[in-house]
N, C-alpha and C. Protein backbone atom coordinates (compact mmCIF):
# COMPACT_ATOMS: atom_id res chain seq x y z
N MET A 1 18.66 14.23 5.34
CA MET A 1 19.56 14.88 4.62
C MET A 1 18.98 16.22 4.55
N PRO A 2 19.47 17.40 5.23
CA PRO A 2 18.64 18.44 5.29
C PRO A 2 19.05 19.39 4.05
N THR A 3 18.22 20.36 3.45
CA THR A 3 18.28 21.05 2.49
C THR A 3 19.06 22.25 2.65
N ARG A 4 20.23 22.40 2.08
CA ARG A 4 21.10 23.44 2.33
C ARG A 4 20.82 25.03 1.66
N ARG A 5 20.24 24.92 0.57
CA ARG A 5 19.81 26.32 0.03
C ARG A 5 18.95 26.10 -1.09
N THR A 6 18.29 27.18 -1.42
CA THR A 6 17.03 27.03 -2.40
C THR A 6 17.68 26.65 -3.81
N ARG A 7 17.36 25.70 -4.67
CA ARG A 7 18.03 25.28 -5.72
C ARG A 7 17.46 26.16 -6.97
N ALA A 8 18.48 26.57 -7.92
CA ALA A 8 18.15 27.37 -9.04
C ALA A 8 17.37 26.42 -9.97
N LYS A 9 16.89 27.00 -10.86
CA LYS A 9 16.35 26.33 -12.15
C LYS A 9 17.52 25.42 -12.84
N PRO A 10 16.91 24.22 -13.10
CA PRO A 10 17.97 23.48 -13.80
C PRO A 10 18.51 23.93 -15.23
N VAL A 11 19.90 23.89 -15.37
CA VAL A 11 20.43 24.58 -16.67
C VAL A 11 20.82 23.57 -17.71
N ALA A 12 21.08 23.74 -18.72
CA ALA A 12 21.20 22.96 -19.91
C ALA A 12 22.23 21.66 -19.74
N ASP A 13 23.33 22.04 -18.86
CA ASP A 13 24.42 20.91 -18.76
C ASP A 13 24.06 19.99 -17.56
N ARG A 14 22.82 19.81 -17.02
CA ARG A 14 22.46 19.06 -16.05
C ARG A 14 22.79 17.58 -16.28
N PRO A 15 22.63 16.97 -17.36
CA PRO A 15 23.01 15.71 -17.69
C PRO A 15 24.55 15.31 -17.45
N ARG A 16 25.09 16.36 -18.07
CA ARG A 16 26.83 16.17 -17.90
C ARG A 16 27.35 16.22 -16.48
N ILE A 17 26.69 17.12 -15.52
CA ILE A 17 26.81 17.30 -14.26
C ILE A 17 26.71 15.96 -13.70
N GLU A 18 25.31 15.38 -13.98
CA GLU A 18 25.09 14.08 -13.23
C GLU A 18 25.64 13.13 -13.61
N ASP A 19 26.33 12.83 -14.59
CA ASP A 19 27.26 12.00 -15.23
C ASP A 19 28.57 12.03 -14.35
N LYS A 20 29.09 13.26 -14.02
CA LYS A 20 30.03 13.31 -13.31
C LYS A 20 29.96 12.87 -11.78
N LEU A 21 28.75 13.34 -11.41
CA LEU A 21 28.47 12.97 -9.81
C LEU A 21 28.15 11.48 -9.92
N LEU A 22 27.53 10.99 -10.64
CA LEU A 22 27.40 9.40 -10.65
C LEU A 22 28.62 8.85 -10.74
N ARG A 23 29.63 9.12 -11.42
CA ARG A 23 31.08 8.50 -11.27
C ARG A 23 31.77 8.72 -9.95
N ALA A 24 31.57 10.00 -9.42
CA ALA A 24 32.17 10.42 -8.31
C ALA A 24 31.48 9.56 -6.92
N MET A 25 30.14 9.53 -7.22
CA MET A 25 29.48 8.71 -5.88
C MET A 25 30.03 7.14 -5.99
N GLU A 26 30.02 6.59 -7.03
CA GLU A 26 30.24 5.28 -7.42
C GLU A 26 32.12 4.84 -7.01
N GLN A 27 32.74 5.95 -7.18
CA GLN A 27 34.33 5.91 -7.12
C GLN A 27 34.35 6.08 -5.53
N LEU A 28 33.61 7.01 -4.89
CA LEU A 28 33.90 7.13 -3.31
C LEU A 28 33.25 5.81 -2.42
N LEU A 29 31.98 5.44 -3.13
CA LEU A 29 31.54 4.32 -2.43
C LEU A 29 32.34 2.98 -2.82
N ALA A 30 32.86 2.91 -3.93
CA ALA A 30 34.03 1.80 -4.26
C ALA A 30 35.22 1.73 -3.16
N GLU A 31 35.40 3.00 -2.77
CA GLU A 31 36.53 3.35 -1.83
C GLU A 31 36.38 3.04 -0.50
N GLY A 32 35.16 2.63 -0.11
CA GLY A 32 34.80 2.27 1.34
C GLY A 32 33.76 3.28 1.75
N GLY A 33 33.24 4.36 1.15
CA GLY A 33 32.51 5.30 1.64
C GLY A 33 30.94 4.61 1.82
N SER A 34 30.00 5.44 2.22
CA SER A 34 28.62 5.06 2.47
C SER A 34 28.04 6.44 2.08
N PHE A 35 26.60 6.24 1.87
CA PHE A 35 25.88 7.33 1.52
C PHE A 35 25.84 8.48 2.85
N SER A 36 25.65 7.99 3.95
CA SER A 36 25.87 8.83 5.22
C SER A 36 27.06 9.40 5.28
N SER A 37 28.41 8.78 4.94
CA SER A 37 29.70 9.32 5.22
C SER A 37 30.31 10.37 4.05
N VAL A 38 29.63 10.09 2.88
CA VAL A 38 30.23 10.67 1.73
C VAL A 38 29.65 12.23 1.84
N SER A 39 30.51 13.20 1.89
CA SER A 39 30.29 14.63 1.81
C SER A 39 30.05 15.14 0.55
N ILE A 40 29.48 16.41 0.58
CA ILE A 40 29.38 17.01 -0.72
C ILE A 40 30.66 17.64 -1.17
N GLU A 41 31.37 17.93 -0.44
CA GLU A 41 32.73 18.44 -0.58
C GLU A 41 33.60 17.23 -1.36
N GLN A 42 33.40 16.15 -0.78
CA GLN A 42 34.11 14.80 -1.28
C GLN A 42 33.42 14.55 -2.79
N LEU A 43 32.23 14.58 -2.90
CA LEU A 43 31.55 14.35 -4.23
C LEU A 43 32.17 15.56 -5.30
N THR A 44 32.04 16.72 -4.76
CA THR A 44 32.41 17.71 -5.86
C THR A 44 33.56 17.57 -6.21
N THR A 45 34.50 17.42 -5.25
CA THR A 45 36.01 17.28 -5.56
C THR A 45 36.36 16.22 -6.49
N ALA A 46 35.76 14.93 -6.09
CA ALA A 46 35.86 13.77 -6.97
C ALA A 46 35.36 14.16 -8.35
N ALA A 47 34.22 14.90 -8.34
CA ALA A 47 33.57 14.91 -9.90
C ALA A 47 34.27 16.40 -10.76
N GLY A 48 35.10 16.94 -9.74
CA GLY A 48 35.70 18.20 -10.52
C GLY A 48 34.72 19.25 -10.85
N ILE A 49 33.90 19.48 -10.01
CA ILE A 49 33.05 20.61 -10.10
C ILE A 49 32.80 21.49 -8.78
N ALA A 50 32.51 22.74 -9.01
CA ALA A 50 32.43 23.45 -7.63
C ALA A 50 31.14 23.19 -6.71
N ARG A 51 31.28 23.48 -5.63
CA ARG A 51 30.13 23.32 -4.66
C ARG A 51 28.93 23.93 -5.48
N ALA A 52 29.11 25.16 -5.57
CA ALA A 52 28.07 26.03 -6.13
C ALA A 52 27.35 25.51 -7.36
N THR A 53 28.13 24.80 -8.10
CA THR A 53 27.62 24.23 -9.26
C THR A 53 26.63 22.81 -8.92
N PHE A 54 26.98 22.26 -7.80
CA PHE A 54 26.43 21.27 -7.07
C PHE A 54 24.97 21.65 -6.73
N TYR A 55 24.83 22.90 -6.05
CA TYR A 55 23.58 23.47 -5.68
C TYR A 55 22.84 24.17 -6.71
N LEU A 56 23.37 24.55 -7.85
CA LEU A 56 22.30 24.70 -8.90
C LEU A 56 21.55 23.64 -9.45
N HIS A 57 21.86 22.51 -9.15
CA HIS A 57 21.08 21.27 -9.67
C HIS A 57 20.41 20.47 -8.61
N PHE A 58 20.87 20.68 -7.42
CA PHE A 58 20.37 19.69 -6.21
C PHE A 58 20.44 20.37 -5.23
N ARG A 59 19.10 20.20 -4.34
CA ARG A 59 18.90 20.96 -3.12
C ARG A 59 20.00 20.20 -2.13
N ASP A 60 20.15 19.00 -2.08
CA ASP A 60 21.08 18.48 -0.99
C ASP A 60 21.57 16.94 -1.63
N LYS A 61 22.07 16.24 -0.83
CA LYS A 61 22.94 15.04 -1.25
C LYS A 61 21.58 13.92 -1.46
N GLY A 62 20.44 13.94 -0.71
CA GLY A 62 19.25 13.09 -0.86
C GLY A 62 18.78 13.23 -1.90
N GLU A 63 18.60 14.49 -2.71
CA GLU A 63 18.00 14.43 -3.84
C GLU A 63 19.06 14.18 -4.97
N LEU A 64 20.32 14.18 -4.93
CA LEU A 64 21.25 13.38 -5.68
C LEU A 64 21.10 12.11 -5.79
N VAL A 65 20.99 11.42 -4.46
CA VAL A 65 20.99 10.00 -4.72
C VAL A 65 19.62 9.55 -5.38
N THR A 66 18.62 10.10 -5.34
CA THR A 66 17.19 10.01 -5.69
C THR A 66 17.19 9.90 -7.31
N ARG A 67 17.94 11.14 -7.61
CA ARG A 67 18.06 11.29 -9.20
C ARG A 67 19.15 10.04 -9.94
N LEU A 68 20.22 9.87 -9.00
CA LEU A 68 20.97 9.01 -9.72
C LEU A 68 20.32 7.19 -9.55
N MET A 69 19.54 6.99 -8.76
CA MET A 69 18.86 5.88 -8.88
C MET A 69 17.85 5.90 -9.88
N GLU A 70 17.13 6.99 -10.23
CA GLU A 70 16.27 7.27 -11.28
C GLU A 70 16.88 6.94 -12.74
N ARG A 71 18.16 7.32 -12.73
CA ARG A 71 19.06 7.14 -13.99
C ARG A 71 19.32 5.69 -14.09
N VAL A 72 19.55 5.00 -13.08
CA VAL A 72 20.02 3.48 -12.95
C VAL A 72 18.65 2.93 -13.59
N ARG A 73 17.56 3.29 -13.02
CA ARG A 73 16.26 2.59 -13.20
C ARG A 73 15.84 2.81 -14.90
N GLN A 74 16.22 4.03 -15.41
CA GLN A 74 15.95 4.17 -16.66
C GLN A 74 16.79 3.64 -17.59
N GLU A 75 18.23 3.09 -17.13
CA GLU A 75 19.18 2.34 -17.90
C GLU A 75 18.65 1.04 -18.06
N ILE A 76 18.05 0.46 -16.87
CA ILE A 76 17.46 -0.66 -16.86
C ILE A 76 16.42 -0.96 -17.80
N VAL A 77 15.36 -0.02 -17.68
CA VAL A 77 14.42 -0.20 -18.57
C VAL A 77 14.69 0.02 -20.00
N SER A 78 15.66 0.87 -20.30
CA SER A 78 16.03 0.87 -21.64
C SER A 78 17.01 -0.42 -22.19
N SER A 79 17.56 -0.87 -21.34
CA SER A 79 18.47 -2.14 -21.67
C SER A 79 17.60 -3.32 -22.05
N ALA A 80 16.28 -3.25 -21.56
CA ALA A 80 15.28 -4.32 -21.89
C ALA A 80 14.77 -4.30 -23.37
N GLY A 81 14.81 -3.02 -23.85
CA GLY A 81 14.64 -2.93 -25.24
C GLY A 81 13.23 -3.36 -25.75
N LEU A 82 13.16 -4.26 -26.67
CA LEU A 82 11.74 -4.65 -27.16
C LEU A 82 11.02 -5.36 -26.16
N TRP A 83 11.52 -5.92 -25.23
CA TRP A 83 10.69 -6.96 -24.36
C TRP A 83 9.63 -5.66 -23.21
N PHE A 84 10.42 -4.46 -23.00
CA PHE A 84 9.27 -3.74 -22.29
C PHE A 84 8.70 -2.72 -23.35
N GLN A 85 9.27 -2.31 -24.42
CA GLN A 85 8.50 -1.53 -25.35
C GLN A 85 7.40 -2.19 -26.15
N HIS A 86 7.27 -3.49 -26.64
CA HIS A 86 6.66 -4.05 -27.47
C HIS A 86 6.63 -5.68 -27.24
N ALA A 87 6.24 -6.03 -25.98
CA ALA A 87 6.50 -7.67 -25.74
C ALA A 87 5.65 -8.48 -26.50
N GLU A 88 4.60 -7.91 -26.88
CA GLU A 88 3.62 -8.87 -27.88
C GLU A 88 4.52 -9.18 -29.01
N LEU A 89 5.51 -8.54 -29.53
CA LEU A 89 6.19 -8.93 -30.77
C LEU A 89 7.45 -9.69 -30.30
N ALA A 90 7.88 -9.76 -29.09
CA ALA A 90 9.14 -10.49 -28.72
C ALA A 90 9.26 -11.84 -28.68
N GLN A 91 10.35 -12.36 -29.34
CA GLN A 91 10.74 -13.61 -29.42
C GLN A 91 11.68 -13.91 -28.29
N ARG A 92 12.10 -15.24 -28.09
CA ARG A 92 12.95 -15.62 -27.06
C ARG A 92 14.07 -14.97 -26.98
N GLU A 93 14.73 -14.71 -28.22
CA GLU A 93 16.14 -14.01 -28.27
C GLU A 93 16.01 -12.37 -27.57
N ASP A 94 14.73 -11.96 -27.88
CA ASP A 94 14.63 -10.56 -27.33
C ASP A 94 14.47 -10.66 -25.91
N MET A 95 13.91 -11.72 -25.28
CA MET A 95 13.87 -11.61 -23.67
C MET A 95 15.44 -11.95 -23.35
N ARG A 96 16.03 -12.76 -24.04
CA ARG A 96 17.48 -13.11 -23.44
C ARG A 96 17.96 -11.75 -23.61
N ARG A 97 18.08 -11.07 -24.72
CA ARG A 97 18.69 -9.76 -24.96
C ARG A 97 18.44 -8.86 -23.85
N ALA A 98 17.20 -8.83 -23.39
CA ALA A 98 16.71 -7.84 -22.16
C ALA A 98 17.13 -8.26 -21.20
N LEU A 99 17.38 -9.47 -20.84
CA LEU A 99 17.80 -9.97 -19.30
C LEU A 99 19.46 -9.72 -19.27
N ARG A 100 20.05 -10.11 -20.31
CA ARG A 100 21.54 -9.95 -20.46
C ARG A 100 21.77 -8.48 -20.41
N GLY A 101 20.82 -7.55 -20.94
CA GLY A 101 20.96 -6.24 -20.80
C GLY A 101 20.79 -5.59 -19.26
N ILE A 102 20.06 -6.21 -18.80
CA ILE A 102 19.62 -5.71 -17.36
C ILE A 102 20.68 -6.23 -16.34
N LEU A 103 21.32 -7.46 -16.57
CA LEU A 103 22.45 -7.93 -15.73
C LEU A 103 23.59 -7.01 -16.12
N GLY A 104 23.84 -6.57 -17.29
CA GLY A 104 25.03 -5.57 -17.46
C GLY A 104 24.72 -4.39 -16.58
N VAL A 105 23.52 -3.67 -16.70
CA VAL A 105 23.42 -2.40 -15.78
C VAL A 105 23.63 -2.64 -14.28
N TYR A 106 23.15 -3.92 -13.76
CA TYR A 106 23.30 -4.17 -12.62
C TYR A 106 24.90 -4.07 -12.31
N ARG A 107 25.70 -4.97 -13.12
CA ARG A 107 26.95 -5.02 -12.98
C ARG A 107 27.80 -3.53 -13.10
N GLU A 108 27.38 -2.70 -14.04
CA GLU A 108 28.17 -1.46 -14.34
C GLU A 108 27.86 -0.69 -12.96
N HIS A 109 26.59 -0.72 -12.73
CA HIS A 109 26.28 0.12 -11.41
C HIS A 109 26.27 -0.53 -9.89
N ARG A 110 26.81 -1.86 -10.09
CA ARG A 110 26.83 -2.49 -8.69
C ARG A 110 27.19 -1.85 -7.55
N VAL A 111 27.80 -0.99 -7.64
CA VAL A 111 28.48 -0.27 -6.17
C VAL A 111 27.33 0.61 -5.91
N ILE A 112 26.77 1.42 -6.60
CA ILE A 112 25.62 2.42 -5.97
C ILE A 112 24.17 1.48 -5.67
N ILE A 113 24.09 0.43 -6.53
CA ILE A 113 22.98 -0.41 -6.41
C ILE A 113 23.21 -1.15 -5.02
N ASP A 114 24.21 -1.66 -4.53
CA ASP A 114 24.55 -2.25 -3.34
C ASP A 114 24.51 -1.35 -2.22
N ALA A 115 24.95 -0.17 -2.38
CA ALA A 115 24.94 0.87 -1.41
C ALA A 115 23.46 1.26 -1.03
N VAL A 116 22.65 1.16 -2.00
CA VAL A 116 21.32 1.54 -1.81
C VAL A 116 20.60 0.25 -0.92
N VAL A 117 20.90 -0.86 -1.56
CA VAL A 117 20.15 -2.00 -0.71
C VAL A 117 20.45 -2.00 0.61
N GLU A 118 21.86 -1.92 0.84
CA GLU A 118 22.41 -2.04 1.99
C GLU A 118 21.99 -1.01 3.14
N THR A 119 22.01 0.33 2.53
CA THR A 119 21.38 1.41 3.20
C THR A 119 19.99 1.62 3.46
N ALA A 120 19.16 0.75 2.68
CA ALA A 120 17.82 0.70 2.92
C ALA A 120 17.30 0.02 4.14
N THR A 121 18.25 -0.90 4.66
CA THR A 121 17.82 -1.67 5.96
C THR A 121 17.84 -0.56 7.15
N ARG A 122 18.53 0.60 7.12
CA ARG A 122 18.43 1.49 8.17
C ARG A 122 18.12 2.87 7.98
N ASP A 123 17.79 3.19 6.93
CA ASP A 123 17.25 4.45 6.36
C ASP A 123 15.98 4.48 5.84
N ALA A 124 15.02 5.10 6.21
CA ALA A 124 13.63 4.93 5.57
C ALA A 124 13.48 5.60 4.28
N ALA A 125 14.28 6.81 4.32
CA ALA A 125 14.14 7.54 2.78
C ALA A 125 14.74 6.86 1.81
N VAL A 126 16.03 6.12 2.03
CA VAL A 126 16.55 5.33 1.17
C VAL A 126 15.92 4.06 0.80
N ALA A 127 15.20 3.60 1.95
CA ALA A 127 14.23 2.23 1.66
C ALA A 127 13.08 2.55 0.64
N ARG A 128 12.47 3.62 1.18
CA ARG A 128 11.27 4.27 0.24
C ARG A 128 11.96 4.28 -1.41
N LEU A 129 13.10 4.89 -1.55
CA LEU A 129 13.54 5.06 -2.80
C LEU A 129 13.91 3.76 -3.54
N TRP A 130 14.37 2.50 -2.77
CA TRP A 130 14.52 1.25 -3.46
C TRP A 130 13.10 0.53 -3.82
N ARG A 131 12.33 0.90 -2.90
CA ARG A 131 10.89 0.35 -3.05
C ARG A 131 10.31 0.96 -4.36
N GLU A 132 10.50 2.17 -4.35
CA GLU A 132 9.85 2.73 -5.57
C GLU A 132 10.56 2.24 -6.93
N THR A 133 11.85 2.05 -6.94
CA THR A 133 12.49 1.62 -7.91
C THR A 133 12.27 0.26 -8.25
N MET A 134 11.91 -0.67 -7.18
CA MET A 134 11.39 -2.17 -7.71
C MET A 134 9.86 -2.05 -8.11
N GLU A 135 9.30 -1.09 -7.44
CA GLU A 135 7.76 -1.04 -8.01
C GLU A 135 7.60 -0.49 -9.37
N ALA A 136 8.37 0.43 -9.82
CA ALA A 136 8.57 0.76 -11.05
C ALA A 136 9.00 -0.44 -12.10
N LEU A 137 10.02 -1.06 -11.49
CA LEU A 137 10.25 -2.23 -12.63
C LEU A 137 9.24 -3.25 -12.59
N CYS A 138 8.61 -3.41 -11.55
CA CYS A 138 7.43 -4.51 -11.61
C CYS A 138 6.36 -3.99 -12.41
N ALA A 139 6.26 -2.59 -12.54
CA ALA A 139 5.10 -2.17 -13.34
C ALA A 139 5.43 -2.27 -14.68
N GLU A 140 6.63 -2.09 -15.10
CA GLU A 140 7.30 -2.56 -16.48
C GLU A 140 6.85 -3.80 -16.80
N SER A 141 7.11 -4.95 -15.98
CA SER A 141 6.89 -6.11 -16.42
C SER A 141 5.60 -6.63 -16.40
N ARG A 142 4.93 -5.88 -15.58
CA ARG A 142 3.38 -6.36 -15.62
C ARG A 142 2.81 -5.85 -16.87
N ARG A 143 3.28 -4.73 -17.42
CA ARG A 143 2.63 -4.06 -18.81
C ARG A 143 3.21 -5.09 -19.83
N ALA A 144 4.37 -5.97 -19.73
CA ALA A 144 4.67 -6.58 -20.94
C ALA A 144 3.94 -7.72 -20.88
N VAL A 145 3.71 -8.53 -19.61
CA VAL A 145 2.92 -9.75 -19.52
C VAL A 145 1.28 -9.34 -19.97
N LEU A 146 0.81 -8.24 -19.76
CA LEU A 146 -0.57 -7.81 -20.24
C LEU A 146 -0.42 -7.55 -21.66
N SER A 147 0.65 -7.07 -22.51
CA SER A 147 0.82 -6.97 -23.88
C SER A 147 0.77 -8.48 -24.76
N LEU A 148 1.42 -9.40 -23.74
CA LEU A 148 1.58 -10.65 -24.28
C LEU A 148 -0.03 -11.40 -24.11
N ARG A 149 -0.57 -11.13 -23.00
CA ARG A 149 -1.88 -11.69 -22.79
C ARG A 149 -2.91 -11.20 -24.05
N ARG A 150 -2.87 -9.83 -24.14
CA ARG A 150 -3.69 -9.18 -25.20
C ARG A 150 -3.60 -9.99 -26.52
N ALA A 151 -2.16 -10.19 -26.78
CA ALA A 151 -1.88 -10.64 -28.04
C ALA A 151 -2.27 -12.45 -28.15
N GLY A 152 -2.78 -12.87 -26.93
CA GLY A 152 -2.95 -14.24 -27.07
C GLY A 152 -1.61 -15.41 -27.07
N ARG A 153 -0.64 -14.71 -26.41
CA ARG A 153 0.38 -15.22 -26.57
C ARG A 153 1.03 -15.89 -25.05
N ALA A 154 0.28 -15.42 -23.96
CA ALA A 154 0.83 -15.55 -22.52
C ALA A 154 0.16 -17.04 -22.20
N ASN A 155 0.87 -17.57 -21.33
CA ASN A 155 0.28 -18.75 -20.43
C ASN A 155 -0.95 -18.13 -19.59
N ALA A 156 -1.80 -19.23 -19.13
CA ALA A 156 -2.79 -18.61 -18.39
C ALA A 156 -2.28 -18.30 -17.13
N ALA A 157 -1.30 -18.88 -16.82
CA ALA A 157 -0.75 -18.35 -15.08
C ALA A 157 -0.11 -17.27 -15.33
N ALA A 158 0.09 -16.52 -16.36
CA ALA A 158 1.06 -15.32 -16.38
C ALA A 158 0.36 -14.05 -16.16
N THR A 159 0.20 -13.86 -14.71
CA THR A 159 -0.51 -12.91 -13.78
C THR A 159 0.22 -11.67 -13.71
N PRO A 160 -0.07 -10.53 -13.18
CA PRO A 160 0.57 -9.58 -12.71
C PRO A 160 1.43 -10.02 -11.51
N LEU A 161 0.76 -10.87 -10.71
CA LEU A 161 1.75 -11.49 -9.59
C LEU A 161 3.10 -12.05 -9.94
N LEU A 162 2.69 -12.98 -11.19
CA LEU A 162 3.96 -13.79 -11.73
C LEU A 162 4.94 -12.72 -12.32
N ALA A 163 4.33 -11.51 -12.83
CA ALA A 163 5.45 -10.48 -13.33
C ALA A 163 6.15 -9.94 -12.33
N ASP A 164 5.57 -9.70 -11.25
CA ASP A 164 6.25 -9.18 -9.99
C ASP A 164 7.40 -10.01 -9.33
N ALA A 165 6.87 -11.26 -9.19
CA ALA A 165 7.61 -12.53 -8.59
C ALA A 165 8.89 -12.66 -9.74
N LEU A 166 8.68 -12.62 -10.78
CA LEU A 166 9.77 -12.82 -11.76
C LEU A 166 10.87 -11.38 -11.74
N THR A 167 10.23 -10.40 -11.45
CA THR A 167 10.97 -9.19 -11.37
C THR A 167 11.83 -9.30 -10.13
N TRP A 168 11.30 -9.56 -8.92
CA TRP A 168 12.21 -9.73 -7.77
C TRP A 168 13.23 -10.82 -7.85
N SER A 169 12.92 -11.99 -8.66
CA SER A 169 13.78 -12.75 -8.92
C SER A 169 15.05 -12.62 -9.77
N VAL A 170 14.78 -11.96 -10.76
CA VAL A 170 15.91 -11.40 -11.72
C VAL A 170 16.76 -10.42 -11.00
N ASN A 171 16.01 -9.34 -9.97
CA ASN A 171 16.86 -8.76 -9.25
C ASN A 171 17.67 -9.49 -8.42
N HIS A 172 17.30 -10.41 -7.62
CA HIS A 172 17.89 -11.12 -6.46
C HIS A 172 19.01 -11.80 -7.39
N CYS A 173 18.93 -12.38 -8.47
CA CYS A 173 20.02 -13.08 -8.98
C CYS A 173 21.13 -11.92 -9.65
N ALA A 174 20.71 -10.97 -10.21
CA ALA A 174 21.55 -9.88 -10.54
C ALA A 174 22.45 -9.34 -9.49
N LEU A 175 21.77 -9.41 -8.20
CA LEU A 175 22.54 -8.89 -7.15
C LEU A 175 23.42 -9.94 -6.49
N GLN A 176 22.97 -11.08 -6.26
CA GLN A 176 23.87 -12.33 -5.75
C GLN A 176 24.93 -12.76 -6.73
N TYR A 177 24.61 -12.78 -8.05
CA TYR A 177 25.35 -13.51 -8.94
C TYR A 177 26.20 -12.79 -10.21
N GLY A 178 25.10 -11.86 -10.48
CA GLY A 178 25.48 -11.05 -11.82
C GLY A 178 26.70 -10.28 -11.78
N ARG A 179 26.88 -9.46 -10.38
CA ARG A 179 28.04 -8.74 -10.12
C ARG A 179 29.24 -9.27 -10.15
N ARG A 180 29.27 -10.79 -9.87
CA ARG A 180 30.45 -11.43 -9.78
C ARG A 180 30.87 -12.19 -10.89
N LEU A 181 29.91 -12.48 -11.72
CA LEU A 181 30.18 -13.40 -12.87
C LEU A 181 30.88 -12.67 -13.95
N ARG A 182 31.73 -13.48 -15.06
CA ARG A 182 31.97 -12.91 -16.14
C ARG A 182 32.11 -13.75 -17.13
N GLY A 183 32.33 -13.11 -18.43
CA GLY A 183 32.31 -14.10 -19.55
C GLY A 183 31.11 -15.17 -19.86
N ALA A 184 31.66 -16.49 -19.86
CA ALA A 184 30.61 -17.56 -20.21
C ALA A 184 29.64 -17.66 -18.98
N GLN A 185 30.20 -17.52 -18.05
CA GLN A 185 29.16 -17.69 -16.62
C GLN A 185 28.07 -16.81 -16.62
N LEU A 186 28.48 -15.61 -16.95
CA LEU A 186 27.41 -14.47 -17.02
C LEU A 186 26.39 -14.65 -18.07
N GLU A 187 27.03 -15.32 -19.28
CA GLU A 187 26.04 -15.67 -20.49
C GLU A 187 25.29 -16.82 -20.01
N LYS A 188 25.76 -17.79 -19.37
CA LYS A 188 24.66 -18.89 -18.75
C LYS A 188 23.94 -18.45 -17.85
N LEU A 189 24.15 -17.38 -17.09
CA LEU A 189 23.17 -16.97 -15.99
C LEU A 189 21.87 -16.32 -16.85
N ALA A 190 22.40 -15.51 -17.90
CA ALA A 190 21.42 -14.85 -18.50
C ALA A 190 20.43 -16.00 -19.40
N ASP A 191 21.17 -17.10 -19.80
CA ASP A 191 20.57 -18.21 -20.62
C ASP A 191 19.44 -18.75 -19.35
N THR A 192 19.82 -19.03 -18.24
CA THR A 192 19.20 -19.53 -17.20
C THR A 192 17.73 -18.84 -16.80
N LEU A 193 18.11 -17.67 -16.76
CA LEU A 193 17.04 -16.65 -16.61
C LEU A 193 15.90 -16.53 -17.51
N THR A 194 16.47 -16.44 -18.73
CA THR A 194 15.34 -16.68 -20.03
C THR A 194 14.71 -17.99 -19.86
N HIS A 195 15.27 -19.03 -19.76
CA HIS A 195 14.63 -20.19 -19.61
C HIS A 195 13.39 -20.35 -18.69
N ILE A 196 13.79 -19.70 -17.46
CA ILE A 196 12.78 -19.47 -16.43
C ILE A 196 11.56 -18.75 -16.95
N CYS A 197 11.89 -17.55 -17.21
CA CYS A 197 10.98 -16.35 -17.57
C CYS A 197 10.24 -16.46 -18.79
N TRP A 198 10.90 -17.01 -19.86
CA TRP A 198 10.02 -17.27 -21.15
C TRP A 198 8.98 -18.59 -21.01
N ASN A 199 9.49 -19.42 -20.28
CA ASN A 199 8.59 -20.81 -20.07
C ASN A 199 7.45 -20.35 -19.16
N ALA A 200 7.84 -19.58 -17.93
CA ALA A 200 6.61 -19.10 -17.03
C ALA A 200 5.77 -18.17 -17.67
N ILE A 201 6.07 -17.44 -18.73
CA ILE A 201 5.23 -16.39 -19.28
C ILE A 201 4.61 -16.61 -20.61
N VAL A 202 5.40 -17.34 -21.49
CA VAL A 202 5.06 -17.58 -22.82
C VAL A 202 4.17 -18.69 -23.03
N ALA A 203 3.13 -18.65 -23.93
CA ALA A 203 2.53 -19.96 -24.16
C ALA A 203 3.28 -20.87 -24.79
N ASP A 204 3.18 -22.31 -24.89
CA ASP A 204 3.92 -23.30 -25.53
C ASP A 204 4.03 -23.00 -27.07
N GLU A 205 2.88 -22.44 -27.69
CA GLU A 205 2.59 -22.32 -28.98
C GLU A 205 3.58 -21.26 -29.66
N ALA A 206 3.84 -20.43 -28.59
CA ALA A 206 4.63 -19.23 -28.93
C ALA A 206 6.07 -19.31 -28.67
N ALA A 207 6.70 -20.64 -28.24
CA ALA A 207 7.79 -20.82 -27.72
C ALA A 207 8.72 -21.07 -28.75
């Protein structure tokens, strides 16, 4: 995705513009578009902003997609609450709340996440973006496990590799099931993931 022009310095309303563009991108993807086919003109029209405004904030569409995925990643991390912030203090319900929150973010942004995962199979730049997203989430999980180990609350088998494996497993379940489950079924998925992750990570005496 080539650079169209030199980007000006970010201005104060960038978060508002990003919100509009995120909604516009998800709308266009939901209507059958793809990252490669959606144009800047379509995005700005759907977002209700001028093309010039777009280029005040982003060099090109590739930078926009990168920024949107960064926002999704930040929402996932934020939704995990205490589990990512202070895992050494977390109880089982804190983990469940974290997993339910993560499922909620995947569900809310399922269109753009699905598009990233699908496009990554044929676009090296998007593949790198998705890999970096998952590596960042794995790093958050590893820090949580390390906090529990330092607090003496982790199983002996709770290693960085286990943290990575569980992160990818939650991602898989969120992609395959979380986006189409509702109500009690979605809550059951959160319960199931909590059972797996808690018992895999936390020592019996802390359960």
